[in-house]
């Protein structure tokens, strides 16, 4: 289970260094197999805003974009992704940037046009598995800020055993950390907003054998949205 410490801190205060926390969890029977540090290998990667996205004059599958990073002249960057549009905030690897795997970004010429850096996908940054499109950032992501300041994090890879299903969640692991360190656990609010329709108008239960099923409880849930 991947455990970002920034998310875990929503439910419990952590004063231990990542290595100390990993050792404490391992002693509790939840072995931490690795510690990842997102952002430690993002050098010279900042947040930019797309100003224009136009067809490359000499290549059908490439776009010529202009990007502002909040200072200096807008940068012309050639990009092959199709999910970009003006106004989007995106990660920009500037000339001289270093990405995971020691991938170095320089000013290059693509089909006769100079590209002053690169727009990054989530896969190229190690943030997501999506290598097809550029990683689109929230509309309020601050232009010019280093990406590591917003998305840098420490991730514990915790091996939760099959008999510890209670720990297969952020709250479950926060409870373990609180028990081990004496910190206070902050429970998330879980009370659902009740609708006006009686559930009996939405669900019908027909118990065939009351002795085998003396109690059956149902709840109708609507308005659920899928999200990252």
Protein backbone atom coordinates (compact mmCIF):
# COMPACT_ATOMS: atom_id res chain seq x y z
CA UNK A 1 0.00 0.00 0.00
CA UNK A 2 1.39 3.40 -1.03
CA UNK A 3 1.19 5.85 1.87
CA UNK A 4 1.93 9.54 1.13
CA UNK A 5 2.95 11.19 4.39
CA UNK A 6 1.16 14.41 3.42
CA UNK A 7 -2.10 12.45 3.29
CA UNK A 8 -1.37 10.50 6.47
CA UNK A 9 -0.79 13.82 8.30
CA UNK A 10 -4.42 14.73 7.63
CA UNK A 11 -5.32 12.21 10.35
CA UNK A 12 -2.33 12.13 12.70
CA UNK A 13 0.64 14.37 13.51
CA UNK A 14 3.97 12.76 12.63
CA UNK A 15 7.09 14.01 14.37
CA UNK A 16 9.29 11.10 13.32
CA UNK A 17 11.64 11.13 10.35
CA UNK A 18 10.41 8.89 7.48
CA UNK A 19 13.05 6.28 8.32
CA UNK A 20 12.04 6.25 11.99
CA UNK A 21 8.38 5.95 11.09
CA UNK A 22 9.18 3.11 8.72
CA UNK A 23 11.03 1.28 11.49
CA UNK A 24 8.14 1.81 13.93
CA UNK A 25 5.57 0.45 11.44
CA UNK A 26 7.81 -2.51 10.65
CA UNK A 27 8.03 -3.37 14.35
CA UNK A 28 4.21 -3.29 14.45
CA UNK A 29 4.14 -6.00 11.77
CA UNK A 30 3.59 -3.75 8.75
CA UNK A 31 6.89 -3.90 6.94
CA UNK A 32 7.86 -0.79 4.99
CA UNK A 33 9.49 -2.15 1.87
CA UNK A 34 10.70 1.16 0.44
CA UNK A 35 10.66 4.94 0.91
CA UNK A 36 10.13 7.07 -2.18
CA UNK A 37 10.80 10.80 -2.27
CA UNK A 38 8.72 12.42 -4.97
CA UNK A 39 10.31 15.59 -6.23
CA UNK A 40 13.86 14.84 -5.12
CA UNK A 41 14.82 14.17 -8.74
CA UNK A 42 12.84 17.04 -10.32
CA UNK A 43 15.42 19.69 -11.02
CA UNK A 44 14.42 22.91 -12.79
CA UNK A 45 10.80 21.78 -13.27
CA UNK A 46 8.30 24.58 -12.70
CA UNK A 47 4.60 25.32 -13.16
CA UNK A 48 3.68 27.10 -16.37
CA UNK A 49 0.53 28.23 -18.12
CA UNK A 50 -0.18 27.49 -21.76
CA UNK A 51 -0.83 30.69 -23.70
CA UNK A 52 -1.22 29.26 -27.20
CA UNK A 53 -1.40 25.80 -28.77
CA UNK A 54 -1.05 25.73 -32.55
CA UNK A 55 -0.28 23.14 -35.18
CA UNK A 56 3.41 22.70 -35.90
CA UNK A 57 4.15 24.22 -39.32
CA UNK A 58 6.12 21.18 -40.48
CA UNK A 59 4.73 18.21 -38.53
CA UNK A 60 1.11 17.03 -38.37
CA UNK A 61 1.52 15.20 -35.06
CA UNK A 62 3.26 17.99 -33.18
CA UNK A 63 1.98 21.21 -31.65
CA UNK A 64 3.83 24.46 -31.19
CA UNK A 65 2.99 25.99 -27.83
CA UNK A 66 3.89 29.15 -25.97
CA UNK A 67 4.16 28.89 -22.20
CA UNK A 68 4.60 31.51 -19.51
CA UNK A 69 6.38 30.70 -16.26
CA UNK A 70 5.62 34.09 -14.72
CA UNK A 71 8.86 35.81 -15.62
CA UNK A 72 10.75 36.58 -18.79
CA UNK A 73 9.43 36.09 -22.29
CA UNK A 74 7.02 33.20 -23.02
CA UNK A 75 8.76 30.02 -24.05
CA UNK A 76 8.14 28.23 -27.32
CA UNK A 77 7.93 24.49 -26.67
CA UNK A 78 7.16 21.75 -29.18
CA UNK A 79 4.83 19.05 -27.83
CA UNK A 80 3.37 15.83 -29.21
CA UNK A 81 0.49 15.45 -26.74
CA UNK A 82 -3.11 16.04 -27.80
CA UNK A 83 -4.73 16.83 -24.43
CA UNK A 84 -3.40 20.38 -24.10
CA UNK A 85 -5.23 23.69 -24.57
CA UNK A 86 -4.60 27.38 -23.82
CA UNK A 87 -5.17 28.34 -20.19
CA UNK A 88 -4.05 25.03 -18.69
CA UNK A 89 -1.42 24.89 -15.97
CA UNK A 90 1.24 22.28 -16.77
CA UNK A 91 4.65 21.12 -15.51
CA UNK A 92 7.46 22.63 -17.57
CA UNK A 93 10.96 21.15 -17.64
CA UNK A 94 13.20 24.08 -18.49
CA UNK A 95 16.47 23.72 -20.41
CA UNK A 96 18.94 22.09 -18.01
CA UNK A 97 16.20 20.26 -16.12
CA UNK A 98 16.74 16.74 -14.80
CA UNK A 99 13.87 14.24 -14.57
CA UNK A 100 13.65 10.79 -12.92
CA UNK A 101 16.07 8.30 -14.42
CA UNK A 102 18.66 11.08 -14.90
CA UNK A 103 16.85 12.25 -18.04
CA UNK A 104 18.27 15.63 -18.98
CA UNK A 105 16.28 18.23 -20.89
CA UNK A 106 18.03 20.66 -23.19
CA UNK A 107 17.02 23.23 -25.79
CA UNK A 108 16.54 21.25 -29.00
CA UNK A 109 15.33 21.76 -32.56
CA UNK A 110 12.31 19.74 -33.68
CA UNK A 111 11.39 19.87 -37.35
CA UNK A 112 12.98 23.27 -37.80
CA UNK A 113 11.55 24.86 -34.64
CA UNK A 114 13.54 25.39 -31.45
CA UNK A 115 11.90 23.86 -28.36
CA UNK A 116 12.88 25.60 -25.14
CA UNK A 117 12.25 22.75 -22.75
CA UNK A 118 9.50 20.15 -22.43
CA UNK A 119 5.96 19.80 -21.13
CA UNK A 120 5.87 16.78 -18.82
CA UNK A 121 3.51 13.84 -18.49
CA UNK A 122 2.75 12.25 -15.15
CA UNK A 123 4.75 9.19 -16.17
CA UNK A 124 7.85 11.24 -16.99
CA UNK A 125 7.69 12.74 -13.49
CA UNK A 126 6.95 9.43 -11.77
CA UNK A 127 3.66 10.84 -10.45
CA UNK A 128 1.19 8.79 -12.52
CA UNK A 129 1.28 5.95 -15.02
CA UNK A 130 -0.17 8.10 -17.82
CA UNK A 131 2.43 8.53 -20.54
CA UNK A 132 0.04 9.58 -23.31
CA UNK A 133 -0.85 13.12 -22.29
CA UNK A 134 0.62 16.05 -20.41
CA UNK A 135 -0.13 16.21 -16.68
CA UNK A 136 -2.78 18.91 -16.30
CA UNK A 137 -2.44 20.72 -12.97
CA UNK A 138 -5.18 22.48 -10.97
CA UNK A 139 -6.22 25.83 -12.41
CA UNK A 140 -4.96 27.63 -9.30
CA UNK A 141 -1.47 26.08 -9.33
CA UNK A 142 0.90 29.05 -8.85
CA UNK A 143 2.78 29.91 -12.03
CA UNK A 144 6.57 29.82 -11.74
CA UNK A 145 6.74 27.81 -8.53
CA UNK A 146 8.93 24.70 -8.50
CA UNK A 147 6.75 21.64 -8.97
CA UNK A 148 8.45 19.94 -6.02
CA UNK A 149 7.06 22.59 -3.64
CA UNK A 150 3.52 21.52 -4.49
CA UNK A 151 3.79 17.84 -5.34
CA UNK A 152 6.94 16.74 -3.57
CA UNK A 153 6.17 14.07 -0.98
CA UNK A 154 7.52 11.09 0.90
CA UNK A 155 5.79 7.81 0.05
CA UNK A 156 6.01 4.70 2.22
CA UNK A 157 5.38 1.36 0.51
CA UNK A 158 3.80 -0.61 3.35
CA UNK A 159 3.30 -4.38 3.20
CA UNK A 160 -0.02 -4.79 5.02
CA UNK A 161 -0.63 -8.46 5.85
CA UNK A 162 -3.87 -10.24 4.82
CA UNK A 163 -5.10 -10.43 8.42
CA UNK A 164 -4.84 -6.65 8.85
CA UNK A 165 -7.55 -5.40 6.56
CA UNK A 166 -8.25 -2.69 9.13
CA UNK A 167 -4.93 -1.11 8.16
CA UNK A 168 -5.61 -1.01 4.41
CA UNK A 169 -6.57 2.66 4.55
CA UNK A 170 -5.05 5.96 5.53
CA UNK A 171 -7.20 6.13 8.65
CA UNK A 172 -6.25 2.56 9.59
CA UNK A 173 -2.54 3.30 9.33
CA UNK A 174 -2.99 6.63 11.10
CA UNK A 175 -4.59 4.72 13.97
CA UNK A 176 -1.51 2.48 14.17
CA UNK A 177 0.82 5.48 14.15
CA UNK A 178 -1.23 7.18 16.85
CA UNK A 179 -1.13 4.05 19.02
CA UNK A 180 2.63 3.71 18.56
CA UNK A 181 3.55 7.36 19.14
CA UNK A 182 0.86 8.63 21.48
CA UNK A 183 -0.35 11.19 18.95
CA UNK A 184 -4.04 12.06 18.66
CA UNK A 185 -5.99 10.43 15.85
CA UNK A 186 -8.20 12.80 13.84
CA UNK A 187 -11.18 10.92 12.44
CA UNK A 188 -12.60 12.15 9.14
CA UNK A 189 -16.23 13.15 9.01
CA UNK A 190 -18.22 10.24 7.64
CA UNK A 191 -21.84 11.16 8.31
CA UNK A 192 -23.63 11.04 4.96
CA UNK A 193 -26.11 13.69 3.91
CA UNK A 194 -29.53 12.09 4.14
CA UNK A 195 -32.02 12.59 1.34
CA UNK A 196 -35.71 13.32 1.71
CA UNK A 197 -37.10 10.16 0.13
CA UNK A 198 -37.75 7.25 2.52
CA UNK A 199 -35.42 4.40 1.63
CA UNK A 200 -38.46 2.14 1.34
CA UNK A 201 -39.45 4.03 -1.79
CA UNK A 202 -36.10 3.26 -3.38
CA UNK A 203 -35.33 -0.27 -2.16
CA UNK A 204 -37.47 -3.34 -1.64
CA UNK A 205 -36.28 -6.26 0.50
CA UNK A 206 -37.98 -9.63 0.49
CA UNK A 207 -36.57 -11.94 3.19
CA UNK A 208 -37.34 -15.53 2.17
CA UNK A 209 -36.23 -17.09 5.46
CA UNK A 210 -36.28 -14.84 8.58
CA UNK A 211 -34.47 -17.52 10.60
CA UNK A 212 -31.48 -17.58 8.25
CA UNK A 213 -31.57 -13.82 7.68
CA UNK A 214 -33.09 -12.25 10.80
CA UNK A 215 -31.83 -8.78 9.86
CA UNK A 216 -31.07 -7.13 6.51
CA UNK A 217 -30.10 -3.49 6.18
CA UNK A 218 -29.96 -1.51 2.94
CA UNK A 219 -28.93 2.02 2.06
CA UNK A 220 -29.40 3.88 -1.19
CA UNK A 221 -26.42 6.01 -2.21
CA UNK A 222 -26.59 8.52 -5.06
CA UNK A 223 -24.67 11.57 -6.23
CA UNK A 224 -21.33 9.73 -6.19
CA UNK A 225 -18.62 11.17 -8.42
CA UNK A 226 -15.52 9.31 -9.54
CA UNK A 227 -12.28 11.24 -9.19
CA UNK A 228 -8.52 10.85 -8.82
